[in-house]
Protein backbone atom coordinates (compact mmCIF):
# COMPACT_ATOMS: atom_id res chain seq x y z
CA MET A 1 31.08 -38.91 19.26
CA ASN A 2 32.30 -35.34 18.61
CA ARG A 3 34.15 -36.48 15.47
CA LYS A 4 31.00 -38.03 14.05
CA LEU A 5 29.08 -34.84 14.74
CA LEU A 6 31.77 -32.72 13.09
CA ALA A 7 31.74 -35.02 10.06
CA VAL A 8 27.92 -34.81 9.72
CA ALA A 9 27.60 -31.05 10.39
CA PRO A 10 28.55 -29.91 6.85
CA LEU A 11 26.04 -32.36 5.37
CA LEU A 12 23.33 -31.05 7.71
CA VAL A 13 24.08 -27.45 6.76
CA PHE A 14 24.01 -28.41 3.08
CA VAL A 15 20.61 -30.14 3.41
CA LEU A 16 19.11 -27.14 5.24
CA LEU A 17 20.46 -24.74 2.63
CA CYS A 18 19.05 -26.88 -0.19
CA ALA A 19 15.62 -26.95 1.50
CA PHE A 20 15.65 -23.16 1.85
CA LEU A 21 16.64 -22.61 -1.79
CA TYR A 22 14.15 -25.20 -3.04
CA GLN A 23 11.33 -23.31 -1.31
CA GLY A 24 12.42 -20.13 -3.11
CA LEU A 25 11.93 -21.78 -6.50
CA PHE A 26 8.17 -21.66 -6.01
CA ALA A 27 7.90 -18.19 -4.50
CA ASN A 28 6.48 -15.37 -6.62
CA PRO A 29 9.09 -12.58 -6.65
CA ARG A 30 6.42 -10.01 -7.57
CA GLU A 31 4.29 -10.89 -4.56
CA LEU A 32 5.10 -8.82 -1.49
CA GLN A 33 2.89 -9.56 1.47
CA THR A 34 2.39 -7.35 4.44
CA GLY A 35 2.41 -8.89 7.86
CA ARG A 36 -0.79 -6.94 8.44
CA LEU A 37 -3.15 -9.21 6.48
CA GLY A 38 -6.04 -10.07 8.79
CA ASP A 39 -5.05 -7.32 11.22
CA ALA A 40 -6.87 -4.08 11.94
CA MET A 41 -5.75 -0.89 10.27
CA PRO A 42 -3.07 0.72 12.44
CA SER A 43 -4.16 3.64 14.58
CA PHE A 44 -3.34 7.00 13.04
CA SER A 45 -4.27 10.66 13.04
CA LEU A 46 -3.06 12.41 9.88
CA PRO A 47 -4.04 15.59 8.04
CA ASP A 48 -5.98 15.84 4.83
CA LEU A 49 -3.64 16.62 1.93
CA MET A 50 -5.72 19.58 0.77
CA ASP A 51 -6.80 20.92 4.19
CA GLU A 52 -4.37 20.55 7.10
CA LYS A 53 -7.16 21.60 9.51
CA LYS A 54 -8.98 18.35 8.74
CA GLN A 55 -7.55 15.29 10.54
CA TRP A 56 -8.35 11.73 9.50
CA THR A 57 -8.16 8.77 11.88
CA HIS A 58 -8.58 5.04 11.37
CA LYS A 59 -12.00 5.35 13.06
CA ASP A 60 -13.18 7.76 10.33
CA LEU A 61 -12.64 5.03 7.74
CA GLU A 62 -14.68 2.30 9.42
CA GLY A 63 -18.23 1.47 8.38
CA GLU A 64 -17.71 0.52 4.74
CA SER A 65 -15.12 -1.31 2.68
CA TYR A 66 -12.54 0.75 0.82
CA LEU A 67 -9.26 0.70 -1.03
CA LEU A 68 -6.35 2.56 0.51
CA ASN A 69 -4.13 3.52 -2.41
CA VAL A 70 -0.59 4.68 -1.66
CA TRP A 71 0.51 7.05 -4.42
CA GLY A 72 2.56 10.11 -5.35
CA THR A 73 2.85 12.60 -8.21
CA TRP A 74 6.48 11.53 -8.70
CA CYS A 75 5.35 7.98 -9.52
CA PRO A 76 4.74 7.19 -13.24
CA THR A 77 2.95 3.94 -12.42
CA CYS A 78 0.60 5.86 -10.13
CA LEU A 79 -0.23 8.18 -13.02
CA ALA A 80 -0.91 5.18 -15.25
CA GLU A 81 -3.39 3.64 -12.81
CA LEU A 82 -5.39 6.82 -12.07
CA GLY A 83 -7.67 6.37 -15.08
CA TYR A 84 -8.70 2.85 -14.12
CA LEU A 85 -9.07 3.76 -10.45
CA THR A 86 -11.37 6.61 -11.52
CA GLU A 87 -13.51 4.09 -13.43
CA LEU A 88 -13.72 1.98 -10.27
CA ARG A 89 -14.83 4.98 -8.24
CA GLU A 90 -17.55 5.68 -10.81
CA GLN A 91 -18.70 2.07 -10.26
CA GLY A 92 -19.07 2.76 -6.55
CA VAL A 93 -15.73 1.60 -5.16
CA LYS A 94 -14.58 3.84 -2.30
CA ILE A 95 -10.92 4.79 -2.74
CA ILE A 96 -8.89 6.72 -0.18
CA GLY A 97 -5.53 8.13 -1.18
CA LEU A 98 -2.51 7.89 1.09
CA TYR A 99 -0.09 10.42 -0.36
CA TYR A 100 3.53 9.28 -0.10
CA GLU A 101 5.95 12.17 -0.63
CA GLN A 102 9.21 10.67 -1.80
CA GLY A 103 11.08 13.98 -2.01
CA TYR A 104 10.72 14.75 1.69
CA ASP A 105 12.82 13.08 4.36
CA PRO A 106 11.36 13.75 7.82
CA ASP A 107 14.75 13.23 9.46
CA PHE A 108 16.66 15.76 7.35
CA ASP A 109 14.35 18.20 5.54
CA SER A 110 13.14 21.12 7.59
CA GLU A 111 11.29 22.99 4.85
CA PHE A 112 8.45 21.67 2.78
CA ASP A 113 6.22 23.64 0.39
CA ILE A 114 2.77 22.15 0.95
CA ASN A 115 1.12 24.64 -1.40
CA ALA A 116 3.37 23.60 -4.29
CA LEU A 117 2.52 19.96 -3.56
CA ARG A 118 -1.22 20.69 -3.52
CA GLU A 119 -0.95 22.46 -6.87
CA GLU A 120 1.01 19.54 -8.33
CA VAL A 121 -1.56 17.04 -7.02
CA ASN A 122 -4.48 19.07 -8.38
CA ASN A 123 -2.85 19.34 -11.81
CA MET A 124 -2.17 15.60 -11.98
CA LEU A 125 -5.67 14.62 -10.85
CA GLU A 126 -7.29 17.06 -13.29
CA ARG A 127 -5.28 15.53 -16.17
CA ALA A 128 -5.55 11.84 -15.31
CA GLY A 129 -8.74 11.55 -13.25
CA ASN A 130 -9.44 11.76 -9.55
CA PRO A 131 -10.45 8.44 -8.02
CA TYR A 132 -10.07 9.58 -4.41
CA GLN A 133 -12.78 10.44 -1.90
CA PHE A 134 -9.96 12.33 -0.16
CA ASN A 135 -6.20 12.12 0.32
CA ILE A 136 -4.39 11.61 3.60
CA LEU A 137 -0.96 13.21 3.87
CA ASP A 138 1.60 10.94 5.54
CA LEU A 139 4.58 13.28 5.49
CA GLN A 140 6.34 11.61 8.44
CA ARG A 141 5.57 8.16 6.91
CA SER A 142 4.19 6.86 10.18
CA LEU A 143 1.18 5.07 8.67
CA SER A 144 3.20 3.95 5.64
CA LEU A 145 5.77 2.32 7.92
CA ASP A 146 3.08 0.71 10.06
CA LEU A 147 1.53 -0.80 6.92
CA GLY A 148 4.88 -2.02 5.60
CA VAL A 149 4.74 0.18 2.50
CA SER A 150 7.87 -0.06 0.37
CA GLY A 151 6.94 2.49 -2.29
CA ALA A 152 4.12 3.41 -4.61
CA PRO A 153 1.71 2.38 -5.87
CA GLU A 154 0.49 -0.04 -3.26
CA THR A 155 -3.14 -0.76 -2.51
CA PHE A 156 -4.82 -2.25 0.54
CA LEU A 157 -8.38 -3.62 0.59
CA VAL A 158 -9.93 -2.93 3.99
CA ASN A 159 -13.33 -4.19 5.10
CA LYS A 160 -15.98 -2.18 6.98
CA ASN A 161 -14.57 -3.33 10.34
CA GLY A 162 -11.14 -1.94 9.48
CA THR A 163 -9.49 -5.31 8.79
CA ILE A 164 -6.88 -5.48 6.01
CA LEU A 165 -7.89 -8.23 3.60
CA LEU A 166 -5.47 -7.71 0.73
CA HIS A 167 -2.23 -5.91 -0.05
CA HIS A 168 -1.17 -5.41 -3.66
CA THR A 169 2.12 -3.89 -4.79
CA GLY A 170 2.00 -2.33 -8.25
CA ASP A 171 -0.72 -0.75 -10.34
CA ILE A 172 -4.37 -1.70 -10.33
CA ASN A 173 -5.49 -2.52 -13.87
CA PRO A 174 -8.39 -4.60 -15.22
CA ARG A 175 -6.42 -7.87 -15.05
CA VAL A 176 -5.27 -7.31 -11.46
CA TRP A 177 -8.73 -6.15 -10.44
CA ARG A 178 -10.43 -9.28 -11.86
CA ALA A 179 -7.84 -11.68 -10.44
CA LYS A 180 -7.32 -10.25 -6.95
CA PHE A 181 -9.81 -7.62 -5.90
CA ALA A 182 -13.15 -8.45 -7.59
CA PRO A 183 -13.65 -11.82 -5.86
CA LEU A 184 -13.09 -10.28 -2.42
CA MET A 185 -15.23 -7.25 -3.24
CA GLN A 186 -18.13 -9.57 -4.18
CA GLU A 187 -17.80 -11.35 -0.84
CA LEU A 188 -17.93 -8.00 0.97
CA GLN A 189 -21.21 -6.97 -0.66
């Protein structure tokens, strides 16, 4: 009995490996999904990027649908999408920025020049357009980690109840908007 099992074991491993690899043939490598789809926005209390006295919480964002756009001034793709995001804001889409500071490591950096960052953000938004109602500063990356953010830009569509409906990695442009976001936005209205 044990000899038969030992003789069949390599074949079983081979079949399982083939099934796993076959499934990967049909996966979209550009599609990263968060485990948060259908879940409520994680609880958070984070400062406003431009005014550290103002704190934003997940409760402040409930009541209407919005896009949560993870971005940074260091990100060229973020710069490229600002113009289109500004057009969307002018069309009535509420967009909240979640600023992701790549140059700061909360475990090692002790000094951070928030005023220099604010100046850099203002300059970029003046040049490229400002689509944001406001920007949340996630310096410790607590909310970013809770959302499963891997970089920038990433955008989450959240409904008025605070439920995450969509997670998109990469820039928002007219093609992406029409294919992914517009159908859901119509359902929400």
